Amino acid sequence: MVSLDTLNDDQRDKLSQYQTITQIQDLEEATGQLIEYDWNLERAIQHIYENSSQEKKREELEHEVASSTTTTTTTTTTASIPAGLRSTSTTSTSATTRRRPSLLLSILFWPFGMAWNITWSILSFASRIIMSRPAITQKKRDPRVLAVEFIESFEDKYGTRHIEFFRGGYSQALEKARKDLRFMLVLLYSEDHDDTETFCRDTFTSDRLVNFIRDKNILVWAGNVRETEAHKVSYTLQASTYPFMALIALQGASTPKMTVIERIEGACHPEELVSQIDIAMDRHGAVVNRLLNERQQREMERQLRVDQDAAYHESLKQDQEKARLAEQEKERQQVLEDEKRRQQEFADLQEQKRQQYTRYLFTNLPQEPTTNFAKLSFRLADGDRVIRQFDKEATVDDLYKFVEIYPLLKKEGAPTEEKVKAPKDYTHEFKFTMHTPYPRMEFPPSQQKLIDIKSLWPSATLVVEDNDNDEED
């Protein structure tokens, strides 16, 4: 036993559509047929249509064959009786008193009657078979192609001003109307019907009907019953007179189904048709309106959730942007701090090497010469005055080195015998300059010998100035 609880929403929708279209009320039978076609709604409906059409044709053919066989047998049996006996039997049954024909004449005309009866039976049987065939195209064709061809054919005959027809198959139109919660109007007509020409020209193209269909947002599917799908739809909707119209809408409380709520058969005036459709929509529109309200409510709730999610994501995005900027600032500060630390480490290392180099100069300070020397007086930046004798081979660099180590010399006296090595990868820079007071002549560090400088040999006074002001600037 099949239970609706075991089906998902999509399967329940397809089951509802399948029962509505095929008019199969047995839940288990309908479910079984859908399962057989793997829940392919169109294939299952197509199978039902084909089986129904074939079954109907088979029953009609069997009926015609049986009828023709009975007629042929009766005729043959009757024809095999001599004319005289037939007349006697007829006379006896009807209680008439007609005279019996001559036996000789009956025997003579019996072969002609026999041949006539057989010929008539064959022609009657063939005509019934031919007339029983539906005037529809048996070849399967795409319903969408049929819909487009129908519209083109209609416009060729009646013009382009008409109600808007759905460009697709009947099942597709039914599914779209169900999903969109729209009323669906099915229009079927037969070209063999006398009212078709007038109805199509006056009613289908009526401005009143066209505007009404558009304003009410009614989905319209139309077809000529000479075509396969329209013929199947007419069989499903049990149309008996053409033109035929059926208004279909969702009906039902718990599980709404697409149901025919109004049937209109035969030609009618546009105003009358609009009135009937409008009344049917008012009478049966409660379910559609309820579903529309529920859908609108769900849409509003969905939109509210979307707006809330958008606001949340926007706020989250702003927070993430702030966090990103804060992280970038933090990284920038970290880079600055790292750079400052590296510079400080480099400065400390340079200061250590400077002190080591100064100690190296101090421990390697040569003794003052006693002969052939230049006697120089230094006026230091801190105000001290010191006099030192330098060998004639001494250079200007030697003067700078002496001034550099003078604080140690002043503090520690003569250097010890322990020598200090010069630091590696180090270039010493003196932070002071020397010049003569008058005339002012500056002497930057160089390898020029004192003996070659007349302003310094054999004696001179030099003023030492720190470069701290330059560094501060």
Protein backbone atom coordinates (compact mmCIF):
# COMPACT_ATOMS: atom_id res chain seq x y z
CA MET A 1 0.00 0.00 0.00
CA VAL A 2 1.49 3.36 -1.08
CA SER A 3 1.49 6.21 1.45
CA LEU A 4 1.89 9.89 0.65
CA ASP A 5 4.17 10.21 3.67
CA THR A 6 6.81 8.15 1.85
CA LEU A 7 6.91 10.59 -1.10
CA ASN A 8 8.83 13.84 -1.25
CA ASP A 9 7.29 17.17 -2.28
CA ASP A 10 8.29 16.83 -5.94
CA GLN A 11 6.86 13.31 -6.18
CA ARG A 12 3.60 14.40 -4.53
CA ASP A 13 3.29 17.28 -7.01
CA LYS A 14 3.85 14.95 -9.97
CA LEU A 15 1.35 12.44 -8.57
CA SER A 16 -1.26 15.20 -8.20
CA GLN A 17 -0.67 16.39 -11.78
CA TYR A 18 -0.77 12.84 -13.11
CA GLN A 19 -4.11 12.10 -11.40
CA THR A 20 -5.57 15.39 -12.62
CA ILE A 21 -4.57 14.85 -16.24
CA THR A 22 -5.33 11.12 -16.51
CA GLN A 23 -8.40 11.13 -14.19
CA ILE A 24 -6.98 8.08 -12.35
CA GLN A 25 -8.33 8.26 -8.80
CA ASP A 26 -6.64 5.08 -7.55
CA LEU A 27 -3.60 6.35 -5.63
CA GLU A 28 -1.74 3.05 -5.77
CA GLU A 29 -2.33 2.60 -9.51
CA ALA A 30 -1.21 6.15 -10.32
CA THR A 31 1.87 5.87 -8.11
CA GLY A 32 2.80 2.53 -9.60
CA GLN A 33 2.64 3.90 -13.15
CA LEU A 34 4.81 6.90 -12.22
CA ILE A 35 7.33 4.63 -10.51
CA GLU A 36 7.37 2.46 -13.63
CA TYR A 37 8.50 5.51 -15.66
CA ASP A 38 10.93 6.70 -12.98
CA TRP A 39 8.67 9.64 -12.09
CA ASN A 40 8.90 11.06 -15.60
CA LEU A 41 5.53 12.81 -15.77
CA GLU A 42 5.45 13.43 -19.51
CA ARG A 43 6.42 9.86 -20.42
CA ALA A 44 3.80 8.41 -18.09
CA ILE A 45 1.07 10.69 -19.48
CA GLN A 46 2.15 9.94 -23.04
CA HIS A 47 1.92 6.23 -22.32
CA ILE A 48 -1.62 6.62 -20.93
CA TYR A 49 -2.69 8.64 -23.96
CA GLU A 50 -1.28 6.10 -26.38
CA ASN A 51 -2.80 3.15 -24.52
CA SER A 52 -6.17 4.90 -24.23
CA SER A 53 -6.20 5.78 -27.92
CA GLN A 54 -5.14 2.30 -28.96
CA GLU A 55 -7.64 0.67 -26.62
CA LYS A 56 -10.44 2.86 -27.93
CA LYS A 57 -9.52 2.05 -31.52
CA ARG A 58 -9.27 -1.65 -30.72
CA GLU A 59 -12.70 -1.71 -29.05
CA GLU A 60 -14.29 0.21 -31.91
CA LEU A 61 -12.66 -2.10 -34.43
CA GLU A 62 -13.77 -5.20 -32.55
CA HIS A 63 -17.28 -3.77 -32.34
CA GLU A 64 -17.34 -3.05 -36.08
CA VAL A 65 -15.91 -6.45 -36.91
CA ALA A 66 -18.45 -8.18 -34.70
CA SER A 67 -21.28 -6.09 -36.13
CA SER A 68 -20.16 -6.70 -39.68
CA THR A 69 -19.73 -10.41 -39.06
CA THR A 70 -23.22 -10.68 -37.61
CA THR A 71 -24.69 -8.74 -40.52
CA THR A 72 -22.82 -10.85 -43.04
CA THR A 73 -23.87 -14.10 -41.38
CA THR A 74 -27.50 -13.03 -41.18
CA THR A 75 -27.52 -11.86 -44.74
CA THR A 76 -25.83 -14.98 -45.98
CA THR A 77 -28.19 -17.20 -44.07
CA THR A 78 -31.15 -15.29 -45.31
CA ALA A 79 -29.87 -15.23 -48.81
CA SER A 80 -29.29 -19.00 -48.80
CA ILE A 81 -32.98 -19.62 -48.19
CA PRO A 82 -35.05 -19.87 -51.32
CA ALA A 83 -37.08 -16.81 -52.07
CA GLY A 84 -40.23 -18.69 -51.67
CA LEU A 85 -39.38 -19.86 -48.15
CA ARG A 86 -38.31 -16.34 -47.13
CA SER A 87 -41.56 -14.95 -48.24
CA THR A 88 -43.42 -17.61 -46.35
CA SER A 89 -41.54 -16.93 -43.17
CA THR A 90 -42.03 -13.21 -43.46
CA THR A 91 -45.65 -13.58 -44.10
CA SER A 92 -46.07 -15.86 -41.12
CA THR A 93 -44.25 -13.51 -38.73
CA SER A 94 -46.03 -10.37 -39.78
CA ALA A 95 -49.37 -12.11 -40.05
CA THR A 96 -49.84 -10.76 -43.59
CA THR A 97 -51.60 -12.63 -46.34
CA ARG A 98 -49.36 -11.77 -49.29
CA ARG A 99 -49.02 -14.39 -52.00
CA ARG A 100 -45.88 -16.54 -52.10
CA PRO A 101 -43.66 -15.82 -55.18
CA SER A 102 -42.95 -18.54 -57.71
CA LEU A 103 -40.38 -21.11 -56.63
CA LEU A 104 -38.77 -21.07 -60.06
CA LEU A 105 -38.19 -17.31 -59.94
CA SER A 106 -36.67 -17.57 -56.47
CA ILE A 107 -34.23 -20.18 -57.62
CA LEU A 108 -33.25 -18.10 -60.66
CA PHE A 109 -32.63 -14.83 -58.71
CA TRP A 110 -30.94 -16.47 -55.70
CA PRO A 111 -27.28 -16.13 -57.04
CA PHE A 112 -27.79 -12.42 -57.80
CA GLY A 113 -29.14 -11.75 -54.30
CA MET A 114 -26.31 -13.69 -52.74
CA ALA A 115 -23.65 -11.66 -54.61
CA TRP A 116 -25.36 -8.35 -53.80
CA ASN A 117 -25.56 -9.10 -50.08
CA ILE A 118 -21.88 -10.15 -49.87
CA THR A 119 -20.75 -7.04 -51.79
CA TRP A 120 -22.84 -4.74 -49.60
CA SER A 121 -21.46 -6.32 -46.38
CA ILE A 122 -17.85 -5.87 -47.52
CA LEU A 123 -18.38 -2.23 -48.51
CA SER A 124 -20.21 -1.49 -45.27
CA PHE A 125 -17.46 -3.09 -43.20
CA ALA A 126 -14.70 -1.15 -45.03
CA SER A 127 -16.55 2.16 -44.70
CA ARG A 128 -16.98 1.68 -40.97
CA ILE A 129 -13.26 0.99 -40.52
CA ILE A 130 -12.31 4.06 -42.57
CA MET A 131 -14.78 6.33 -40.78
CA SER A 132 -13.68 5.07 -37.35
CA ARG A 133 -10.10 6.29 -37.86
CA PRO A 134 -9.51 9.60 -36.10
CA ALA A 135 -8.45 12.41 -38.39
CA ILE A 136 -5.29 13.13 -36.47
CA THR A 137 -1.63 12.91 -37.23
CA GLN A 138 -0.30 9.61 -35.93
CA LYS A 139 3.36 10.57 -36.06
CA LYS A 140 4.72 11.75 -32.74
CA ARG A 141 5.78 15.39 -32.81
CA ASP A 142 7.14 17.86 -30.31
CA PRO A 143 4.19 19.60 -28.55
CA ARG A 144 6.06 22.89 -28.68
CA VAL A 145 6.36 22.62 -32.47
CA LEU A 146 2.66 21.83 -32.70
CA ALA A 147 1.84 24.86 -30.54
CA VAL A 148 3.90 27.19 -32.75
CA GLU A 149 2.38 25.74 -35.90
CA PHE A 150 -1.09 26.15 -34.44
CA ILE A 151 -0.45 29.83 -33.66
CA GLU A 152 1.01 30.47 -37.13
CA SER A 153 -1.96 28.74 -38.77
CA PHE A 154 -4.41 30.68 -36.61
CA GLU A 155 -2.76 34.02 -37.41
CA ASP A 156 -2.73 33.24 -41.12
CA LYS A 157 -6.51 32.76 -41.04
CA TYR A 158 -7.69 35.23 -38.38
CA GLY A 159 -4.91 37.78 -37.94
CA THR A 160 -2.37 38.54 -35.25
CA ARG A 161 -4.80 40.25 -32.88
CA HIS A 162 -5.95 37.44 -30.60
CA ILE A 163 -5.62 36.15 -27.05
CA GLU A 164 -2.08 35.10 -26.21
CA PHE A 165 -1.61 31.34 -26.63
CA PHE A 166 0.92 29.34 -24.63
CA ARG A 167 3.82 28.20 -26.82
CA GLY A 168 4.22 24.71 -25.48
CA GLY A 169 2.55 21.39 -24.79
CA TYR A 170 -0.54 20.84 -22.69
CA SER A 171 1.39 19.19 -19.85
CA GLN A 172 3.90 22.05 -19.86
CA ALA A 173 1.10 24.62 -19.74
CA LEU A 174 -0.61 22.74 -16.91
CA GLU A 175 2.62 22.58 -14.91
CA LYS A 176 3.37 26.27 -15.48
CA ALA A 177 -0.14 27.30 -14.41
CA ARG A 178 0.21 25.19 -11.27
CA LYS A 179 3.61 26.60 -10.35
CA ASP A 180 2.61 30.20 -11.14
CA LEU A 181 -0.78 29.81 -9.38
CA ARG A 182 -2.64 30.96 -12.48
CA PHE A 183 -5.98 30.03 -13.97
CA MET A 184 -5.62 28.02 -17.17
CA LEU A 185 -8.08 28.19 -20.07
CA VAL A 186 -8.07 25.30 -22.56
CA LEU A 187 -9.52 26.06 -26.00
CA LEU A 188 -10.24 23.26 -28.45
CA TYR A 189 -11.91 23.57 -31.82
CA SER A 190 -12.54 21.43 -34.89
CA GLU A 191 -12.37 22.77 -38.40
CA ASP A 192 -15.25 20.43 -39.34
CA HIS A 193 -17.61 22.25 -36.98
CA ASP A 194 -19.86 24.92 -38.48
CA ASP A 195 -19.33 27.44 -35.65
CA THR A 196 -15.54 27.28 -35.69
CA GLU A 197 -14.93 29.96 -38.32
CA THR A 198 -17.24 32.52 -36.70
CA PHE A 199 -16.10 31.74 -33.16
CA CYS A 200 -12.40 32.06 -33.96
CA ARG A 201 -12.84 35.25 -35.97
CA ASP A 202 -15.24 37.02 -33.61
CA THR A 203 -14.51 35.64 -30.13
CA PHE A 204 -10.83 34.65 -30.00
CA THR A 205 -9.85 37.99 -31.52
CA SER A 206 -12.29 40.09 -29.48
CA ASP A 207 -10.66 43.04 -27.70
CA ARG A 208 -12.91 42.39 -24.73
CA LEU A 209 -11.67 38.83 -24.34
CA VAL A 210 -8.05 39.72 -25.15
CA ASN A 211 -7.95 42.45 -22.49
CA PHE A 212 -9.75 40.28 -19.94
CA ILE A 213 -7.33 37.36 -20.39
CA ARG A 214 -4.36 39.72 -20.10
CA ASP A 215 -5.69 41.58 -17.05
CA LYS A 216 -6.57 38.36 -15.22
CA ASN A 217 -3.21 36.82 -16.16
CA ILE A 218 -4.90 33.66 -17.46
CA LEU A 219 -2.69 31.11 -19.20
CA VAL A 220 -4.34 29.98 -22.44
CA TRP A 221 -3.59 26.73 -24.24
CA ALA A 222 -5.37 26.10 -27.53
CA GLY A 223 -5.34 23.40 -30.15
CA ASN A 224 -6.98 21.94 -33.20
CA VAL A 225 -8.36 18.47 -32.47
CA ARG A 226 -7.00 17.28 -35.81
CA GLU A 227 -3.56 17.38 -34.19
CA THR A 228 -2.37 14.59 -31.92
CA GLU A 229 -2.02 16.41 -28.62
CA ALA A 230 -5.23 18.44 -28.94
CA HIS A 231 -7.10 15.21 -29.74
CA LYS A 232 -5.66 13.58 -26.63
CA VAL A 233 -6.60 16.60 -24.52
CA SER A 234 -10.15 16.51 -25.86
CA TYR A 235 -10.35 12.84 -24.94
CA THR A 236 -8.99 13.55 -21.44
CA LEU A 237 -11.35 16.47 -20.84
CA GLN A 238 -14.24 14.52 -22.43
CA ALA A 239 -15.12 17.25 -24.90
CA SER A 240 -18.33 16.49 -26.79
CA THR A 241 -19.05 19.69 -28.71
CA TYR A 242 -16.72 22.18 -30.37
CA PRO A 243 -15.56 24.79 -29.80
CA PHE A 244 -14.83 23.53 -26.30
CA MET A 245 -13.38 25.49 -23.39
CA ALA A 246 -12.34 24.34 -19.94
CA LEU A 247 -11.21 26.58 -17.09
CA ILE A 248 -8.70 24.79 -14.85
CA ALA A 249 -7.35 25.89 -11.45
CA LEU A 250 -5.88 24.48 -8.27
CA GLN A 251 -8.55 23.11 -5.97
CA GLY A 252 -8.47 21.23 -2.68
CA ALA A 253 -7.57 22.00 0.90
CA SER A 254 -4.66 19.80 1.96
CA THR A 255 -3.19 18.83 -1.41
CA PRO A 256 -4.52 21.17 -4.14
CA LYS A 257 -4.83 19.64 -7.61
CA MET A 258 -5.41 21.16 -11.03
CA THR A 259 -9.14 20.65 -11.56
CA VAL A 260 -11.64 21.66 -14.23
CA ILE A 261 -13.88 24.26 -12.56
CA GLU A 262 -15.89 25.36 -15.59
CA ARG A 263 -16.80 23.79 -18.93
CA ILE A 264 -18.07 25.87 -21.85
CA GLU A 265 -19.17 23.99 -24.96
CA GLY A 266 -20.27 25.54 -28.20
CA ALA A 267 -19.89 29.04 -29.61
CA CYS A 268 -20.78 32.03 -27.49
CA HIS A 269 -20.50 35.81 -27.52
CA PRO A 270 -17.29 37.35 -26.08
CA GLU A 271 -19.23 39.15 -23.33
CA GLU A 272 -20.98 35.92 -22.36
CA LEU A 273 -17.69 34.01 -22.35
CA VAL A 274 -15.97 36.68 -20.22
CA SER A 275 -18.89 36.68 -17.79
CA GLN A 276 -18.84 32.90 -17.37
CA ILE A 277 -15.08 32.80 -16.82
CA ASP A 278 -15.19 35.74 -14.39
CA ILE A 279 -17.97 34.14 -12.34
CA ALA A 280 -16.13 30.81 -12.22
CA MET A 281 -12.94 32.53 -11.10
CA ASP A 282 -14.80 34.35 -8.31
CA ARG A 283 -16.52 31.16 -7.23
CA HIS A 284 -13.45 28.94 -7.23
CA GLY A 285 -10.69 31.47 -6.67
CA ALA A 286 -10.46 31.06 -2.89
CA VAL A 287 -7.85 28.29 -3.09
CA VAL A 288 -5.74 30.16 -5.65
CA ASN A 289 -5.96 33.37 -3.62
CA ARG A 290 -5.00 31.51 -0.46
CA LEU A 291 -2.02 29.92 -2.17
CA LEU A 292 -1.02 33.29 -3.64
CA ASN A 293 -1.18 34.91 -0.20
CA GLU A 294 0.86 32.08 1.28
CA ARG A 295 3.39 32.40 -1.52
CA GLN A 296 3.58 36.17 -1.06
CA GLN A 297 4.04 35.67 2.67
CA ARG A 298 6.81 33.15 2.03
CA GLU A 299 8.36 35.51 -0.49
CA MET A 300 8.24 38.37 2.00
CA GLU A 301 9.81 36.17 4.67
CA ARG A 302 12.42 34.98 2.19
CA GLN A 303 13.16 38.56 1.14
CA LEU A 304 13.38 39.57 4.78
CA ARG A 305 15.88 36.79 5.39
CA VAL A 306 17.79 37.86 2.29
CA ASP A 307 17.87 41.47 3.50
CA GLN A 308 18.93 40.36 6.97
CA ASP A 309 21.63 38.13 5.51
CA ALA A 310 22.77 40.99 3.27
CA ALA A 311 22.91 43.37 6.23
CA TYR A 312 24.75 40.76 8.29
CA HIS A 313 27.23 40.10 5.49
CA GLU A 314 27.72 43.84 4.97
CA SER A 315 28.37 44.31 8.67
CA LEU A 316 30.63 41.29 8.66
CA LYS A 317 32.41 42.67 5.63
CA GLN A 318 32.95 46.01 7.36
CA ASP A 319 34.23 44.25 10.49
CA GLN A 320 36.52 42.13 8.35
CA GLU A 321 37.76 45.26 6.58
CA LYS A 322 38.44 46.95 9.91
CA ALA A 323 40.22 43.84 11.14
CA ARG A 324 42.22 43.72 7.90
CA LEU A 325 43.23 47.38 8.22
CA ALA A 326 44.10 46.85 11.89
CA GLU A 327 46.17 43.83 10.95
CA GLN A 328 47.90 45.79 8.22
CA GLU A 329 48.66 48.62 10.68
CA LYS A 330 49.91 46.09 13.17
CA GLU A 331 52.15 44.52 10.54
CA ARG A 332 53.39 47.96 9.51
CA GLN A 333 54.19 48.84 13.10
CA GLN A 334 55.90 45.50 13.49
CA VAL A 335 57.98 46.18 10.38
CA LEU A 336 58.92 49.62 11.71
CA GLU A 337 59.83 48.17 15.08
CA ASP A 338 61.86 45.42 13.45
CA GLU A 339 63.63 47.97 11.29
CA LYS A 340 64.27 50.18 14.28
CA ARG A 341 65.56 47.22 16.22
CA ARG A 342 67.86 46.22 13.37
CA GLN A 343 69.14 49.77 13.10
CA GLN A 344 69.73 49.86 16.84
CA GLU A 345 71.51 46.53 16.73
CA PHE A 346 73.62 47.78 13.85
CA ALA A 347 74.37 51.01 15.71
CA ASP A 348 75.32 49.08 18.83
CA LEU A 349 77.51 46.80 16.79
CA GLN A 350 79.14 49.78 15.10
CA GLU A 351 79.68 51.43 18.47
CA GLN A 352 81.30 48.27 19.76
CA LYS A 353 83.56 48.12 16.73
CA ARG A 354 84.31 51.82 17.13
CA GLN A 355 85.33 51.31 20.72
CA GLN A 356 87.38 48.27 19.71
CA TYR A 357 89.05 50.30 16.96
CA THR A 358 89.76 53.15 19.39
CA ARG A 359 91.25 50.61 21.80
CA TYR A 360 93.25 49.18 18.89
CA LEU A 361 94.63 52.66 18.10
CA PHE A 362 95.36 53.28 21.75
CA THR A 363 97.32 50.05 22.22
CA ASN A 364 99.26 50.73 19.02
CA LEU A 365 100.09 54.40 19.73
CA PRO A 366 103.73 55.02 18.77
CA GLN A 367 106.13 56.72 21.13
CA GLU A 368 106.88 60.42 20.77
CA PRO A 369 110.01 60.96 18.67
CA THR A 370 112.91 62.93 20.07
CA THR A 371 114.41 64.11 16.80
CA ASN A 372 113.06 65.26 13.47
CA PHE A 373 109.61 65.76 14.75
CA ALA A 374 106.79 68.22 14.38
CA LYS A 375 105.47 69.78 17.51
CA LEU A 376 101.72 70.38 17.32
CA SER A 377 99.41 72.01 19.78
CA PHE A 378 95.77 70.83 19.82
CA ARG A 379 92.89 72.85 21.16
CA LEU A 380 90.22 70.21 21.73
CA ALA A 381 86.49 70.69 21.47
CA ASP A 382 86.02 70.24 25.22
CA GLY A 383 88.49 73.07 25.89
CA ASP A 384 91.53 70.94 26.76
CA ARG A 385 94.87 71.77 25.28
CA VAL A 386 97.46 69.13 24.52
CA ILE A 387 100.86 69.20 22.84
CA ARG A 388 102.20 66.17 20.99
CA GLN A 389 105.35 65.46 18.95
CA PHE A 390 104.96 63.51 15.67
CA ASP A 391 107.55 61.87 13.49
CA LYS A 392 108.34 63.45 10.13
CA GLU A 393 106.80 60.41 8.41
CA ALA A 394 103.55 60.89 10.28
CA THR A 395 100.45 61.71 8.23
CA VAL A 396 97.34 63.81 8.80
CA ASP A 397 95.51 60.52 9.65
CA ASP A 398 97.96 60.05 12.52
CA LEU A 399 96.90 63.44 13.93
CA TYR A 400 93.21 62.34 13.79
CA LYS A 401 94.02 59.01 15.40
CA PHE A 402 95.81 60.78 18.27
CA VAL A 403 92.88 63.11 18.90
CA GLU A 404 90.53 60.04 18.75
CA ILE A 405 92.39 58.15 21.47
CA TYR A 406 93.24 61.17 23.64
CA PRO A 407 90.36 60.57 26.09
CA LEU A 408 91.74 57.06 26.79
CA LEU A 409 95.26 58.42 27.00
CA LYS A 410 94.11 61.07 29.43
CA LYS A 411 92.23 58.51 31.49
CA GLU A 412 94.56 55.53 31.46
CA GLY A 413 97.94 57.06 30.75
CA ALA A 414 100.46 55.15 28.66
CA PRO A 415 99.07 52.10 26.83
CA THR A 416 99.84 48.60 28.01
CA GLU A 417 101.87 46.07 26.15
CA GLU A 418 98.75 43.98 25.36
CA LYS A 419 97.71 44.67 21.83
CA VAL A 420 94.07 44.78 20.61
CA LYS A 421 93.17 43.63 17.11
CA ALA A 422 91.36 45.90 14.74
CA PRO A 423 87.65 44.97 14.15
CA LYS A 424 86.70 43.22 10.94
CA ASP A 425 84.39 44.71 8.33
CA TYR A 426 84.67 48.12 9.85
CA THR A 427 85.44 51.52 8.35
CA HIS A 428 86.19 54.16 10.91
CA GLU A 429 84.77 57.64 10.53
CA PHE A 430 86.11 60.56 12.58
CA LYS A 431 83.45 62.75 14.13
CA PHE A 432 85.52 65.88 14.18
CA THR A 433 87.63 68.07 11.93
CA MET A 434 90.84 70.06 12.42
CA HIS A 435 91.93 73.43 11.10
CA THR A 436 94.47 76.16 11.82
CA PRO A 437 93.07 79.20 13.63
CA TYR A 438 94.53 81.88 11.38
CA PRO A 439 94.61 81.82 8.54
CA ARG A 440 91.90 79.12 8.68
CA MET A 441 92.93 76.04 6.82
CA GLU A 442 91.09 72.79 7.22
CA PHE A 443 92.90 69.47 7.15
CA PRO A 444 90.62 66.47 6.50
CA PRO A 445 91.97 62.96 7.15
CA SER A 446 94.52 61.96 4.51
CA GLN A 447 97.79 60.14 3.98
CA GLN A 448 99.63 63.37 3.31
CA LYS A 449 102.84 63.60 5.38
CA LEU A 450 103.31 66.39 7.88
CA ILE A 451 106.73 67.24 6.54
CA ASP A 452 105.14 68.08 3.25
CA ILE A 453 102.66 70.53 4.80
CA LYS A 454 104.32 73.85 5.49
CA SER A 455 101.44 75.00 7.68
CA LEU A 456 102.05 72.05 10.04
CA TRP A 457 105.80 71.54 9.87
CA PRO A 458 107.69 71.94 12.14
CA SER A 459 105.01 73.28 14.46
CA ALA A 460 101.46 74.49 14.41
CA THR A 461 98.31 74.94 16.39
CA LEU A 462 95.20 73.03 15.38
CA VAL A 463 91.65 73.61 16.48
CA VAL A 464 89.47 70.48 16.84
CA GLU A 465 85.72 70.88 16.14
CA ASP A 466 83.11 68.19 16.66
CA ASN A 467 80.70 67.33 13.88
CA ASP A 468 77.80 66.69 16.28
CA ASN A 469 75.90 69.72 15.03
CA ASP A 470 76.07 68.40 11.48
CA GLU A 471 74.80 65.00 12.57
CA GLU A 472 71.93 66.54 14.51
CA ASP A 473 70.96 68.57 11.48
